[in-house]
Amino acid sequence: MNPSNPSFDCPDCKTNIPGTNCAHELSRLMRWTKKAGCYSYCPCGYPVRAKDIRDNVFSGFIDSNREATEEALIYCETNNGGGHVYFGTYNTVSKGNGKAASNLSSCAVFKRYLSYI
């Protein structure tokens, strides 16, 4: 994989998908397919964009508390505008691609959500 042009393969249909896998991986684990307003790159219908998931799947904004220990749906946006999603806390991931917001190069925006639509 080229770090400047990342991609990954869908484990189900083997389609090569440009970008990082956080939205796709969380969608697969939560069984979110063909969500209205979310772009899907592969025939499986799992969303592939973190911002789409934040805008069209997440609901019930809780807070931006990076110290919270109760798990929630997480959206983090890096300094360069890239989005990242998972289920966990600022430091831990229970469902997602294993990368917590605390492990990103930056996290300019951090939001916790209660549930999904």
PDB file of N, CA and C in Angstrom:
ATOM      1  N   MET A   1       0.846  -1.191   0.000  1.00  0.00           N
ATOM      2  CA  MET A   1       0.000   0.000   0.000  1.00  0.00           C
ATOM      3  C   MET A   1       0.879   1.238   0.000  1.00  0.00           C
ATOM      4  N   ASN A   2       0.570   2.188  -0.823  1.00  0.00           N
ATOM      5  CA  ASN A   2       1.272   3.451  -0.891  1.00  0.00           C
ATOM      6  C   ASN A   2       0.687   4.394   0.151  1.00  0.00           C
ATOM      7  N   PRO A   3       1.465   4.838   1.172  1.00  0.00           N
ATOM      8  CA  PRO A   3       0.925   5.702   2.228  1.00  0.00           C
ATOM      9  C   PRO A   3       0.324   7.001   1.728  1.00  0.00           C
ATOM     10  N   SER A   4       0.829   7.517   0.597  1.00  0.00           N
ATOM     11  CA  SER A   4       0.280   8.767   0.074  1.00  0.00           C
ATOM     12  C   SER A   4      -0.998   8.535  -0.730  1.00  0.00           C
ATOM     13  N   ASN A   5      -1.276   7.290  -1.057  1.00  0.00           N
ATOM     14  CA  ASN A   5      -2.476   6.938  -1.805  1.00  0.00           C
ATOM     15  C   ASN A   5      -3.005   5.602  -1.264  1.00  0.00           C
ATOM     16  N   PRO A   6      -3.539   5.596  -0.022  1.00  0.00           N
ATOM     17  CA  PRO A   6      -3.928   4.327   0.607  1.00  0.00           C
ATOM     18  C   PRO A   6      -5.139   3.687  -0.058  1.00  0.00           C
ATOM     19  N   SER A   7      -5.221   2.382   0.086  1.00  0.00           N
ATOM     20  CA  SER A   7      -6.393   1.628  -0.343  1.00  0.00           C
ATOM     21  C   SER A   7      -6.452   0.349   0.485  1.00  0.00           C
ATOM     22  N   PHE A   8      -7.577  -0.344   0.402  1.00  0.00           N
ATOM     23  CA  PHE A   8      -7.758  -1.608   1.116  1.00  0.00           C
ATOM     24  C   PHE A   8      -8.732  -2.456   0.318  1.00  0.00           C
ATOM     25  N   ASP A   9      -8.789  -3.739   0.618  1.00  0.00           N
ATOM     26  CA  ASP A   9      -9.712  -4.654  -0.044  1.00  0.00           C
ATOM     27  C   ASP A   9     -10.873  -4.995   0.880  1.00  0.00           C
ATOM     28  N   CYS A  10     -12.093  -4.971   0.358  1.00  0.00           N
ATOM     29  CA  CYS A  10     -13.252  -5.406   1.124  1.00  0.00           C
ATOM     30  C   CYS A  10     -13.093  -6.904   1.390  1.00  0.00           C
ATOM     31  N   PRO A  11     -13.158  -7.336   2.651  1.00  0.00           N
ATOM     32  CA  PRO A  11     -12.999  -8.755   2.950  1.00  0.00           C
ATOM     33  C   PRO A  11     -14.107  -9.635   2.378  1.00  0.00           C
ATOM     34  N   ASP A  12     -15.261  -9.036   2.076  1.00  0.00           N
ATOM     35  CA  ASP A  12     -16.395  -9.813   1.580  1.00  0.00           C
ATOM     36  C   ASP A  12     -16.371  -9.990   0.067  1.00  0.00           C
ATOM     37  N   CYS A  13     -16.251  -8.885  -0.683  1.00  0.00           N
ATOM     38  CA  CYS A  13     -16.329  -8.968  -2.152  1.00  0.00           C
ATOM     39  C   CYS A  13     -14.975  -8.794  -2.835  1.00  0.00           C
ATOM     40  N   LYS A  14     -13.951  -8.504  -2.044  1.00  0.00           N
ATOM     41  CA  LYS A  14     -12.564  -8.354  -2.542  1.00  0.00           C
ATOM     42  C   LYS A  14     -12.354  -7.133  -3.428  1.00  0.00           C
ATOM     43  N   THR A  15     -13.305  -6.196  -3.469  1.00  0.00           N
ATOM     44  CA  THR A  15     -13.144  -4.966  -4.229  1.00  0.00           C
ATOM     45  C   THR A  15     -12.053  -4.120  -3.587  1.00  0.00           C
ATOM     46  N   ASN A  16     -11.143  -3.566  -4.404  1.00  0.00           N
ATOM     47  CA  ASN A  16     -10.130  -2.652  -3.888  1.00  0.00           C
ATOM     48  C   ASN A  16     -10.757  -1.278  -3.770  1.00  0.00           C
ATOM     49  N   ILE A  17     -10.654  -0.693  -2.589  1.00  0.00           N
ATOM     50  CA  ILE A  17     -11.322   0.565  -2.273  1.00  0.00           C
ATOM     51  C   ILE A  17     -10.275   1.619  -1.942  1.00  0.00           C
ATOM     52  N   PRO A  18     -10.295   2.771  -2.613  1.00  0.00           N
ATOM     53  CA  PRO A  18      -9.342   3.830  -2.295  1.00  0.00           C
ATOM     54  C   PRO A  18      -9.666   4.458  -0.944  1.00  0.00           C
ATOM     55  N   GLY A  19      -8.637   4.860  -0.216  1.00  0.00           N
ATOM     56  CA  GLY A  19      -8.804   5.510   1.074  1.00  0.00           C
ATOM     57  C   GLY A  19      -8.433   4.593   2.220  1.00  0.00           C
ATOM     58  N   THR A  20      -8.780   5.011   3.422  1.00  0.00           N
ATOM     59  CA  THR A  20      -8.523   4.198   4.606  1.00  0.00           C
ATOM     60  C   THR A  20      -9.787   3.433   4.969  1.00  0.00           C
ATOM     61  N   ASN A  21      -9.673   2.451   5.828  1.00  0.00           N
ATOM     62  CA  ASN A  21     -10.778   1.521   6.034  1.00  0.00           C
ATOM     63  C   ASN A  21     -11.641   1.766   7.269  1.00  0.00           C
ATOM     64  N   CYS A  22     -11.502   2.875   7.984  1.00  0.00           N
ATOM     65  CA  CYS A  22     -12.232   3.034   9.242  1.00  0.00           C
ATOM     66  C   CYS A  22     -13.746   2.981   9.060  1.00  0.00           C
ATOM     67  N   ALA A  23     -14.301   3.729   8.119  1.00  0.00           N
ATOM     68  CA  ALA A  23     -15.751   3.762   7.920  1.00  0.00           C
ATOM     69  C   ALA A  23     -16.272   2.414   7.431  1.00  0.00           C
ATOM     70  N   HIS A  24     -15.563   1.812   6.503  1.00  0.00           N
ATOM     71  CA  HIS A  24     -15.964   0.509   5.967  1.00  0.00           C
ATOM     72  C   HIS A  24     -15.916  -0.556   7.058  1.00  0.00           C
ATOM     73  N   GLU A  25     -14.852  -0.570   7.843  1.00  0.00           N
ATOM     74  CA  GLU A  25     -14.705  -1.579   8.905  1.00  0.00           C
ATOM     75  C   GLU A  25     -15.786  -1.417   9.975  1.00  0.00           C
ATOM     76  N   LEU A  26     -16.036  -0.194  10.432  1.00  0.00           N
ATOM     77  CA  LEU A  26     -17.092   0.021  11.426  1.00  0.00           C
ATOM     78  C   LEU A  26     -18.443  -0.364  10.844  1.00  0.00           C
ATOM     79  N   SER A  27     -18.701  -0.002   9.601  1.00  0.00           N
ATOM     80  CA  SER A  27     -19.970  -0.346   8.942  1.00  0.00           C
ATOM     81  C   SER A  27     -20.168  -1.854   8.875  1.00  0.00           C
ATOM     82  N   ARG A  28     -19.114  -2.587   8.534  1.00  0.00           N
ATOM     83  CA  ARG A  28     -19.205  -4.057   8.473  1.00  0.00           C
ATOM     84  C   ARG A  28     -19.518  -4.628   9.852  1.00  0.00           C
ATOM     85  N   LEU A  29     -18.823  -4.139  10.875  1.00  0.00           N
ATOM     86  CA  LEU A  29     -19.025  -4.663  12.232  1.00  0.00           C
ATOM     87  C   LEU A  29     -20.420  -4.342  12.773  1.00  0.00           C
ATOM     88  N   MET A  30     -20.959  -3.194  12.389  1.00  0.00           N
ATOM     89  CA  MET A  30     -22.285  -2.774  12.855  1.00  0.00           C
ATOM     90  C   MET A  30     -23.399  -3.193  11.895  1.00  0.00           C
ATOM     91  N   ARG A  31     -23.024  -3.775  10.765  1.00  0.00           N
ATOM     92  CA  ARG A  31     -23.969  -4.225   9.739  1.00  0.00           C
ATOM     93  C   ARG A  31     -24.781  -3.083   9.139  1.00  0.00           C
ATOM     94  N   TRP A  32     -24.099  -1.953   8.912  1.00  0.00           N
ATOM     95  CA  TRP A  32     -24.724  -0.799   8.270  1.00  0.00           C
ATOM     96  C   TRP A  32     -24.498  -0.897   6.774  1.00  0.00           C
ATOM     97  N   THR A  33     -25.501  -1.270   6.030  1.00  0.00           N
ATOM     98  CA  THR A  33     -25.376  -1.318   4.576  1.00  0.00           C
ATOM     99  C   THR A  33     -26.415  -0.409   3.937  1.00  0.00           C
ATOM    100  N   LYS A  34     -26.044   0.114   2.791  1.00  0.00           N
ATOM    101  CA  LYS A  34     -26.949   0.919   1.964  1.00  0.00           C
ATOM    102  C   LYS A  34     -27.659   2.006   2.772  1.00  0.00           C
ATOM    103  N   LYS A  35     -26.879   2.740   3.590  1.00  0.00           N
ATOM    104  CA  LYS A  35     -27.433   3.831   4.380  1.00  0.00           C
ATOM    105  C   LYS A  35     -27.647   5.057   3.494  1.00  0.00           C
ATOM    106  N   ALA A  36     -28.824   5.637   3.560  1.00  0.00           N
ATOM    107  CA  ALA A  36     -29.146   6.823   2.770  1.00  0.00           C
ATOM    108  C   ALA A  36     -28.141   7.932   3.059  1.00  0.00           C
ATOM    109  N   GLY A  37     -27.638   8.557   2.001  1.00  0.00           N
ATOM    110  CA  GLY A  37     -26.694   9.656   2.138  1.00  0.00           C
ATOM    111  C   GLY A  37     -25.242   9.230   2.258  1.00  0.00           C
ATOM    112  N   CYS A  38     -24.998   7.924   2.323  1.00  0.00           N
ATOM    113  CA  CYS A  38     -23.632   7.425   2.478  1.00  0.00           C
ATOM    114  C   CYS A  38     -23.131   6.816   1.177  1.00  0.00           C
ATOM    115  N   TYR A  39     -21.918   7.184   0.798  1.00  0.00           N
ATOM    116  CA  TYR A  39     -21.300   6.654  -0.405  1.00  0.00           C
ATOM    117  C   TYR A  39     -20.711   5.274  -0.117  1.00  0.00           C
ATOM    118  N   SER A  40     -20.976   4.327  -0.996  1.00  0.00           N
ATOM    119  CA  SER A  40     -20.420   2.985  -0.898  1.00  0.00           C
ATOM    120  C   SER A  40     -19.649   2.701  -2.170  1.00  0.00           C
ATOM    121  N   TYR A  41     -18.450   2.180  -2.016  1.00  0.00           N
ATOM    122  CA  TYR A  41     -17.598   1.928  -3.171  1.00  0.00           C
ATOM    123  C   TYR A  41     -17.727   0.503  -3.702  1.00  0.00           C
ATOM    124  N   CYS A  42     -18.108  -0.429  -2.828  1.00  0.00           N
ATOM    125  CA  CYS A  42     -18.162  -1.830  -3.259  1.00  0.00           C
ATOM    126  C   CYS A  42     -19.612  -2.333  -3.316  1.00  0.00           C
ATOM    127  N   PRO A  43     -19.847  -3.450  -3.987  1.00  0.00           N
ATOM    128  CA  PRO A  43     -21.197  -3.995  -4.117  1.00  0.00           C
ATOM    129  C   PRO A  43     -21.846  -4.382  -2.788  1.00  0.00           C
ATOM    130  N   CYS A  44     -21.057  -4.553  -1.744  1.00  0.00           N
ATOM    131  CA  CYS A  44     -21.598  -4.936  -0.432  1.00  0.00           C
ATOM    132  C   CYS A  44     -22.456  -3.834   0.180  1.00  0.00           C
ATOM    133  N   GLY A  45     -22.219  -2.586  -0.210  1.00  0.00           N
ATOM    134  CA  GLY A  45     -23.046  -1.476   0.251  1.00  0.00           C
ATOM    135  C   GLY A  45     -22.622  -0.848   1.559  1.00  0.00           C
ATOM    136  N   TYR A  46     -21.434  -1.182   2.069  1.00  0.00           N
ATOM    137  CA  TYR A  46     -20.962  -0.568   3.312  1.00  0.00           C
ATOM    138  C   TYR A  46     -20.419   0.829   3.034  1.00  0.00           C
ATOM    139  N   PRO A  47     -20.824   1.832   3.833  1.00  0.00           N
ATOM    140  CA  PRO A  47     -20.286   3.182   3.649  1.00  0.00           C
ATOM    141  C   PRO A  47     -18.764   3.197   3.789  1.00  0.00           C
ATOM    142  N   VAL A  48     -18.119   4.093   3.040  1.00  0.00           N
ATOM    143  CA  VAL A  48     -16.663   4.174   3.063  1.00  0.00           C
ATOM    144  C   VAL A  48     -16.134   5.547   3.479  1.00  0.00           C
ATOM    145  N   ARG A  49     -17.000   6.475   3.805  1.00  0.00           N
ATOM    146  CA  ARG A  49     -16.555   7.815   4.187  1.00  0.00           C
ATOM    147  C   ARG A  49     -16.994   8.131   5.617  1.00  0.00           C
ATOM    148  N   ALA A  50     -16.029   8.497   6.452  1.00  0.00           N
ATOM    149  CA  ALA A  50     -16.297   8.796   7.862  1.00  0.00           C
ATOM    150  C   ALA A  50     -17.295   9.948   8.023  1.00  0.00           C
ATOM    151  N   LYS A  51     -17.147  10.981   7.227  1.00  0.00           N
ATOM    152  CA  LYS A  51     -18.046  12.137   7.347  1.00  0.00           C
ATOM    153  C   LYS A  51     -19.474  11.769   6.959  1.00  0.00           C
ATOM    154  N   ASP A  52     -19.639  10.863   5.996  1.00  0.00           N
ATOM    155  CA  ASP A  52     -20.975  10.383   5.641  1.00  0.00           C
ATOM    156  C   ASP A  52     -21.610   9.669   6.827  1.00  0.00           C
ATOM    157  N   ILE A  53     -20.835   8.846   7.504  1.00  0.00           N
ATOM    158  CA  ILE A  53     -21.362   8.121   8.666  1.00  0.00           C
ATOM    159  C   ILE A  53     -21.735   9.096   9.769  1.00  0.00           C
ATOM    160  N   ARG A  54     -20.862  10.056  10.035  1.00  0.00           N
ATOM    161  CA  ARG A  54     -21.168  11.072  11.051  1.00  0.00           C
ATOM    162  C   ARG A  54     -22.476  11.787  10.723  1.00  0.00           C
ATOM    163  N   ASP A  55     -22.644  12.200   9.474  1.00  0.00           N
ATOM    164  CA  ASP A  55     -23.806  13.005   9.088  1.00  0.00           C
ATOM    165  C   ASP A  55     -25.089  12.203   8.900  1.00  0.00           C
ATOM    166  N   ASN A  56     -24.991  10.934   8.501  1.00  0.00           N
ATOM    167  CA  ASN A  56     -26.184  10.178   8.111  1.00  0.00           C
ATOM    168  C   ASN A  56     -26.488   8.944   8.955  1.00  0.00           C
ATOM    169  N   VAL A  57     -25.572   8.568   9.834  1.00  0.00           N
ATOM    170  CA  VAL A  57     -25.787   7.373  10.649  1.00  0.00           C
ATOM    171  C   VAL A  57     -25.733   7.704  12.138  1.00  0.00           C
ATOM    172  N   PHE A  58     -24.725   8.457  12.573  1.00  0.00           N
ATOM    173  CA  PHE A  58     -24.607   8.807  13.990  1.00  0.00           C
ATOM    174  C   PHE A  58     -25.738   9.746  14.397  1.00  0.00           C
ATOM    175  N   SER A  59     -26.190   9.613  15.642  1.00  0.00           N
ATOM    176  CA  SER A  59     -27.169  10.553  16.191  1.00  0.00           C
ATOM    177  C   SER A  59     -26.946  10.655  17.693  1.00  0.00           C
ATOM    178  N   GLY A  60     -27.592  11.608  18.301  1.00  0.00           N
ATOM    179  CA  GLY A  60     -27.495  11.766  19.750  1.00  0.00           C
ATOM    180  C   GLY A  60     -26.135  12.254  20.216  1.00  0.00           C
ATOM    181  N   PHE A  61     -25.693  13.426  19.687  1.00  0.00           N
ATOM    182  CA  PHE A  61     -24.413  13.993  20.115  1.00  0.00           C
ATOM    183  C   PHE A  61     -24.351  14.048  21.637  1.00  0.00           C
ATOM    184  N   ILE A  62     -23.254  13.547  22.195  1.00  0.00           N
ATOM    185  CA  ILE A  62     -23.072  13.556  23.654  1.00  0.00           C
ATOM    186  C   ILE A  62     -22.213  14.747  24.056  1.00  0.00           C
ATOM    187  N   ASP A  63     -20.939  14.714  23.649  1.00  0.00           N
ATOM    188  CA  ASP A  63     -19.992  15.750  24.029  1.00  0.00           C
ATOM    189  C   ASP A  63     -18.689  15.555  23.268  1.00  0.00           C
ATOM    190  N   SER A  64     -17.692  16.341  23.649  1.00  0.00           N
ATOM    191  CA  SER A  64     -16.353  16.242  23.055  1.00  0.00           C
ATOM    192  C   SER A  64     -15.317  15.901  24.116  1.00  0.00           C
ATOM    193  N   ASN A  65     -15.741  15.154  25.118  1.00  0.00           N
ATOM    194  CA  ASN A  65     -14.910  14.831  26.272  1.00  0.00           C
ATOM    195  C   ASN A  65     -13.900  13.726  25.955  1.00  0.00           C
ATOM    196  N   ARG A  66     -12.642  14.098  25.850  1.00  0.00           N
ATOM    197  CA  ARG A  66     -11.586  13.139  25.547  1.00  0.00           C
ATOM    198  C   ARG A  66     -11.216  12.282  26.754  1.00  0.00           C
ATOM    199  N   GLU A  67     -11.676  12.656  27.927  1.00  0.00           N
ATOM    200  CA  GLU A  67     -11.378  11.914  29.157  1.00  0.00           C
ATOM    201  C   GLU A  67     -12.469  10.901  29.515  1.00  0.00           C
ATOM    202  N   ALA A  68     -13.599  10.914  28.803  1.00  0.00           N
ATOM    203  CA  ALA A  68     -14.716  10.016  29.116  1.00  0.00           C
ATOM    204  C   ALA A  68     -14.277   8.554  29.019  1.00  0.00           C
ATOM    205  N   THR A  69     -14.777   7.740  29.944  1.00  0.00           N
ATOM    206  CA  THR A  69     -14.432   6.312  29.950  1.00  0.00           C
ATOM    207  C   THR A  69     -15.572   5.449  29.416  1.00  0.00           C
ATOM    208  N   GLU A  70     -16.761   6.022  29.278  1.00  0.00           N
ATOM    209  CA  GLU A  70     -17.893   5.288  28.721  1.00  0.00           C
ATOM    210  C   GLU A  70     -17.767   5.263  27.202  1.00  0.00           C
ATOM    211  N   GLU A  71     -17.887   4.084  26.615  1.00  0.00           N
ATOM    212  CA  GLU A  71     -17.752   3.955  25.167  1.00  0.00           C
ATOM    213  C   GLU A  71     -18.915   4.608  24.435  1.00  0.00           C
ATOM    214  N   ALA A  72     -18.620   5.110  23.249  1.00  0.00           N
ATOM    215  CA  ALA A  72     -19.611   5.765  22.405  1.00  0.00           C
ATOM    216  C   ALA A  72     -19.152   5.639  20.960  1.00  0.00           C
ATOM    217  N   LEU A  73     -20.006   6.061  20.051  1.00  0.00           N
ATOM    218  CA  LEU A  73     -19.601   6.175  18.656  1.00  0.00           C
ATOM    219  C   LEU A  73     -18.731   7.430  18.548  1.00  0.00           C
ATOM    220  N   ILE A  74     -17.578   7.312  17.928  1.00  0.00           N
ATOM    221  CA  ILE A  74     -16.591   8.393  17.897  1.00  0.00           C
ATOM    222  C   ILE A  74     -16.390   8.905  16.476  1.00  0.00           C
ATOM    223  N   TYR A  75     -16.336  10.235  16.370  1.00  0.00           N
ATOM    224  CA  TYR A  75     -15.901  10.881  15.135  1.00  0.00           C
ATOM    225  C   TYR A  75     -14.739  11.798  15.487  1.00  0.00           C
ATOM    226  N   CYS A  76     -13.649  11.661  14.763  1.00  0.00           N
ATOM    227  CA  CYS A  76     -12.480  12.511  14.934  1.00  0.00           C
ATOM    228  C   CYS A  76     -12.109  13.073  13.569  1.00  0.00           C
ATOM    229  N   GLU A  77     -11.749  14.340  13.552  1.00  0.00           N
ATOM    230  CA  GLU A  77     -11.297  14.960  12.311  1.00  0.00           C
ATOM    231  C   GLU A  77      -9.887  15.491  12.519  1.00  0.00           C
ATOM    232  N   THR A  78      -8.993  15.127  11.624  1.00  0.00           N
ATOM    233  CA  THR A  78      -7.597  15.539  11.740  1.00  0.00           C
ATOM    234  C   THR A  78      -7.415  16.991  11.302  1.00  0.00           C
ATOM    235  N   ASN A  79      -6.250  17.531  11.581  1.00  0.00           N
ATOM    236  CA  ASN A  79      -5.945  18.914  11.198  1.00  0.00           C
ATOM    237  C   ASN A  79      -6.085  19.152   9.700  1.00  0.00           C
ATOM    238  N   ASN A  80      -5.844  18.113   8.892  1.00  0.00           N
ATOM    239  CA  ASN A  80      -5.951  18.276   7.438  1.00  0.00           C
ATOM    240  C   ASN A  80      -7.350  17.970   6.908  1.00  0.00           C
ATOM    241  N   GLY A  81      -8.318  17.759   7.807  1.00  0.00           N
ATOM    242  CA  GLY A  81      -9.715  17.574   7.397  1.00  0.00           C
ATOM    243  C   GLY A  81     -10.150  16.146   7.177  1.00  0.00           C
ATOM    244  N   GLY A  82      -9.272  15.172   7.389  1.00  0.00           N
ATOM    245  CA  GLY A  82      -9.640  13.768   7.244  1.00  0.00           C
ATOM    246  C   GLY A  82     -10.495  13.295   8.411  1.00  0.00           C
ATOM    247  N   GLY A  83     -11.502  12.484   8.132  1.00  0.00           N
ATOM    248  CA  GLY A  83     -12.381  11.970   9.180  1.00  0.00           C
ATOM    249  C   GLY A  83     -12.002  10.561   9.591  1.00  0.00           C
ATOM    250  N   HIS A  84     -12.362  10.204  10.828  1.00  0.00           N
ATOM    251  CA  HIS A  84     -12.094   8.870  11.366  1.00  0.00           C
ATOM    252  C   HIS A  84     -13.258   8.494  12.282  1.00  0.00           C
ATOM    253  N   VAL A  85     -13.763   7.258  12.179  1.00  0.00           N
ATOM    254  CA  VAL A  85     -14.884   6.793  12.992  1.00  0.00           C
ATOM    255  C   VAL A  85     -14.590   5.427  13.607  1.00  0.00           C
ATOM    256  N   TYR A  86     -15.177   5.197  14.794  1.00  0.00           N
ATOM    257  CA  TYR A  86     -15.080   3.910  15.476  1.00  0.00           C
ATOM    258  C   TYR A  86     -15.990   3.927  16.695  1.00  0.00           C
ATOM    259  N   PHE A  87     -16.063   2.814  17.421  1.00  0.00           N
ATOM    260  CA  PHE A  87     -16.806   2.729  18.676  1.00  0.00           C
ATOM    261  C   PHE A  87     -15.795   2.490  19.775  1.00  0.00           C
ATOM    262  N   GLY A  88     -15.804   3.337  20.792  1.00  0.00           N
ATOM    263  CA  GLY A  88     -14.866   3.196  21.902  1.00  0.00           C
ATOM    264  C   GLY A  88     -14.753   4.490  22.681  1.00  0.00           C
ATOM    265  N   THR A  89     -13.532   4.828  23.101  1.00  0.00           N
ATOM    266  CA  THR A  89     -13.231   6.072  23.805  1.00  0.00           C
ATOM    267  C   THR A  89     -12.124   6.789  23.040  1.00  0.00           C
ATOM    268  N   TYR A  90     -11.655   7.894  23.579  1.00  0.00           N
ATOM    269  CA  TYR A  90     -10.565   8.618  22.920  1.00  0.00           C
ATOM    270  C   TYR A  90      -9.328   7.731  22.772  1.00  0.00           C
ATOM    271  N   ASN A  91      -9.108   6.863  23.764  1.00  0.00           N
ATOM    272  CA  ASN A  91      -7.899   6.038  23.802  1.00  0.00           C
ATOM    273  C   ASN A  91      -8.076   4.583  23.392  1.00  0.00           C
ATOM    274  N   THR A  92      -9.322   4.110  23.280  1.00  0.00           N
ATOM    275  CA  THR A  92      -9.540   2.688  23.006  1.00  0.00           C
ATOM    276  C   THR A  92     -10.556   2.492  21.877  1.00  0.00           C
ATOM    277  N   VAL A  93     -10.459   1.339  21.221  1.00  0.00           N
ATOM    278  CA  VAL A  93     -11.385   0.978  20.149  1.00  0.00           C
ATOM    279  C   VAL A  93     -11.976  -0.393  20.463  1.00  0.00           C
ATOM    280  N   SER A  94     -13.303  -0.486  20.543  1.00  0.00           N
ATOM    281  CA  SER A  94     -13.983  -1.774  20.704  1.00  0.00           C
ATOM    282  C   SER A  94     -14.432  -2.326  19.361  1.00  0.00           C
ATOM    283  N   LYS A  95     -14.902  -1.410  18.493  1.00  0.00           N
ATOM    284  CA  LYS A  95     -15.327  -1.793  17.144  1.00  0.00           C
ATOM    285  C   LYS A  95     -14.780  -0.764  16.171  1.00  0.00           C
ATOM    286  N   GLY A  96     -14.097  -1.255  15.172  1.00  0.00           N
ATOM    287  CA  GLY A  96     -13.497  -0.380  14.170  1.00  0.00           C
ATOM    288  C   GLY A  96     -12.202  -0.987  13.679  1.00  0.00           C
ATOM    289  N   ASN A  97     -11.359  -0.157  13.114  1.00  0.00           N
ATOM    290  CA  ASN A  97     -10.112  -0.668  12.546  1.00  0.00           C
ATOM    291  C   ASN A  97      -8.957  -0.702  13.530  1.00  0.00           C
ATOM    292  N   GLY A  98      -9.239  -0.461  14.811  1.00  0.00           N
ATOM    293  CA  GLY A  98      -8.213  -0.574  15.844  1.00  0.00           C
ATOM    294  C   GLY A  98      -7.431   0.692  16.118  1.00  0.00           C
ATOM    295  N   LYS A  99      -7.686   1.752  15.387  1.00  0.00           N
ATOM    296  CA  LYS A  99      -6.936   2.991  15.565  1.00  0.00           C
ATOM    297  C   LYS A  99      -7.782   4.009  16.325  1.00  0.00           C
ATOM    298  N   ALA A 100      -7.374   4.305  17.557  1.00  0.00           N
ATOM    299  CA  ALA A 100      -8.084   5.279  18.389  1.00  0.00           C
ATOM    300  C   ALA A 100      -7.661   6.698  18.016  1.00  0.00           C
ATOM    301  N   ALA A 101      -8.492   7.674  18.357  1.00  0.00           N
ATOM    302  CA  ALA A 101      -8.188   9.080  18.076  1.00  0.00           C
ATOM    303  C   ALA A 101      -6.855   9.485  18.689  1.00  0.00           C
ATOM    304  N   SER A 102      -6.542   8.950  19.851  1.00  0.00           N
ATOM    305  CA  SER A 102      -5.280   9.291  20.511  1.00  0.00           C
ATOM    306  C   SER A 102      -4.065   8.816  19.727  1.00  0.00           C
ATOM    307  N   ASN A 103      -4.247   7.888  18.802  1.00  0.00           N
ATOM    308  CA  ASN A 103      -3.145   7.360  17.998  1.00  0.00           C
ATOM    309  C   ASN A 103      -3.014   8.020  16.625  1.00  0.00           C
ATOM    310  N   LEU A 104      -3.887   8.953  16.317  1.00  0.00           N
ATOM    311  CA  LEU A 104      -3.805   9.658  15.034  1.00  0.00           C
ATOM    312  C   LEU A 104      -2.744  10.748  15.123  1.00  0.00           C
ATOM    313  N   SER A 105      -2.281  11.217  13.993  1.00  0.00           N
ATOM    314  CA  SER A 105      -1.278  12.290  13.984  1.00  0.00           C
ATOM    315  C   SER A 105      -1.845  13.580  14.569  1.00  0.00           C
ATOM    316  N   SER A 106      -3.157  13.760  14.474  1.00  0.00           N
ATOM    317  CA  SER A 106      -3.838  14.910  15.072  1.00  0.00           C
ATOM    318  C   SER A 106      -5.318  14.576  15.225  1.00  0.00           C
ATOM    319  N   CYS A 107      -5.983  15.304  16.106  1.00  0.00           N
ATOM    320  CA  CYS A 107      -7.432  15.167  16.274  1.00  0.00           C
ATOM    321  C   CYS A 107      -7.977  16.544  16.639  1.00  0.00           C
ATOM    322  N   ALA A 108      -8.195  17.369  15.620  1.00  0.00           N
ATOM    323  CA  ALA A 108      -8.657  18.737  15.822  1.00  0.00           C
ATOM    324  C   ALA A 108     -10.105  18.780  16.300  1.00  0.00           C
ATOM    325  N   VAL A 109     -10.923  17.842  15.816  1.00  0.00           N
ATOM    326  CA  VAL A 109     -12.336  17.748  16.200  1.00  0.00           C
ATOM    327  C   VAL A 109     -12.559  16.356  16.771  1.00  0.00           C
ATOM    328  N   PHE A 110     -13.120  16.287  17.973  1.00  0.00           N
ATOM    329  CA  PHE A 110     -13.426  15.004  18.611  1.00  0.00           C
ATOM    330  C   PHE A 110     -14.856  15.072  19.114  1.00  0.00           C
ATOM    331  N   LYS A 111     -15.714  14.135  18.663  1.00  0.00           N
ATOM    332  CA  LYS A 111     -17.124  14.136  19.061  1.00  0.00           C
ATOM    333  C   LYS A 111     -17.561  12.731  19.392  1.00  0.00           C
ATOM    334  N   ARG A 112     -18.370  12.641  20.462  1.00  0.00           N
ATOM    335  CA  ARG A 112     -18.933  11.357  20.882  1.00  0.00           C
ATOM    336  C   ARG A 112     -20.434  11.378  20.618  1.00  0.00           C
ATOM    337  N   TYR A 113     -20.949  10.227  20.138  1.00  0.00           N
ATOM    338  CA  TYR A 113     -22.371  10.109  19.815  1.00  0.00           C
ATOM    339  C   TYR A 113     -22.959   8.919  20.553  1.00  0.00           C
ATOM    340  N   LEU A 114     -24.207   9.059  20.939  1.00  0.00           N
ATOM    341  CA  LEU A 114     -24.908   8.061  21.729  1.00  0.00           C
ATOM    342  C   LEU A 114     -25.296   6.826  20.940  1.00  0.00           C
ATOM    343  N   SER A 115     -25.792   7.028  19.737  1.00  0.00           N
ATOM    344  CA  SER A 115     -26.349   5.900  19.005  1.00  0.00           C
ATOM    345  C   SER A 115     -26.263   6.128  17.508  1.00  0.00           C
ATOM    346  N   TYR A 116     -26.905   5.255  16.780  1.00  0.00           N
ATOM    347  CA  TYR A 116     -26.962   5.378  15.339  1.00  0.00           C
ATOM    348  C   TYR A 116     -28.403   5.247  14.880  1.00  0.00           C
ATOM    349  N   ILE A 117     -28.668   5.766  13.707  1.00  0.00           N
ATOM    350  CA  ILE A 117     -30.027   5.771  13.146  1.00  0.00           C
ATOM    351  C   ILE A 117     -30.346   4.388  12.613  1.00  0.00           C
TER     352      ILE A 117
END
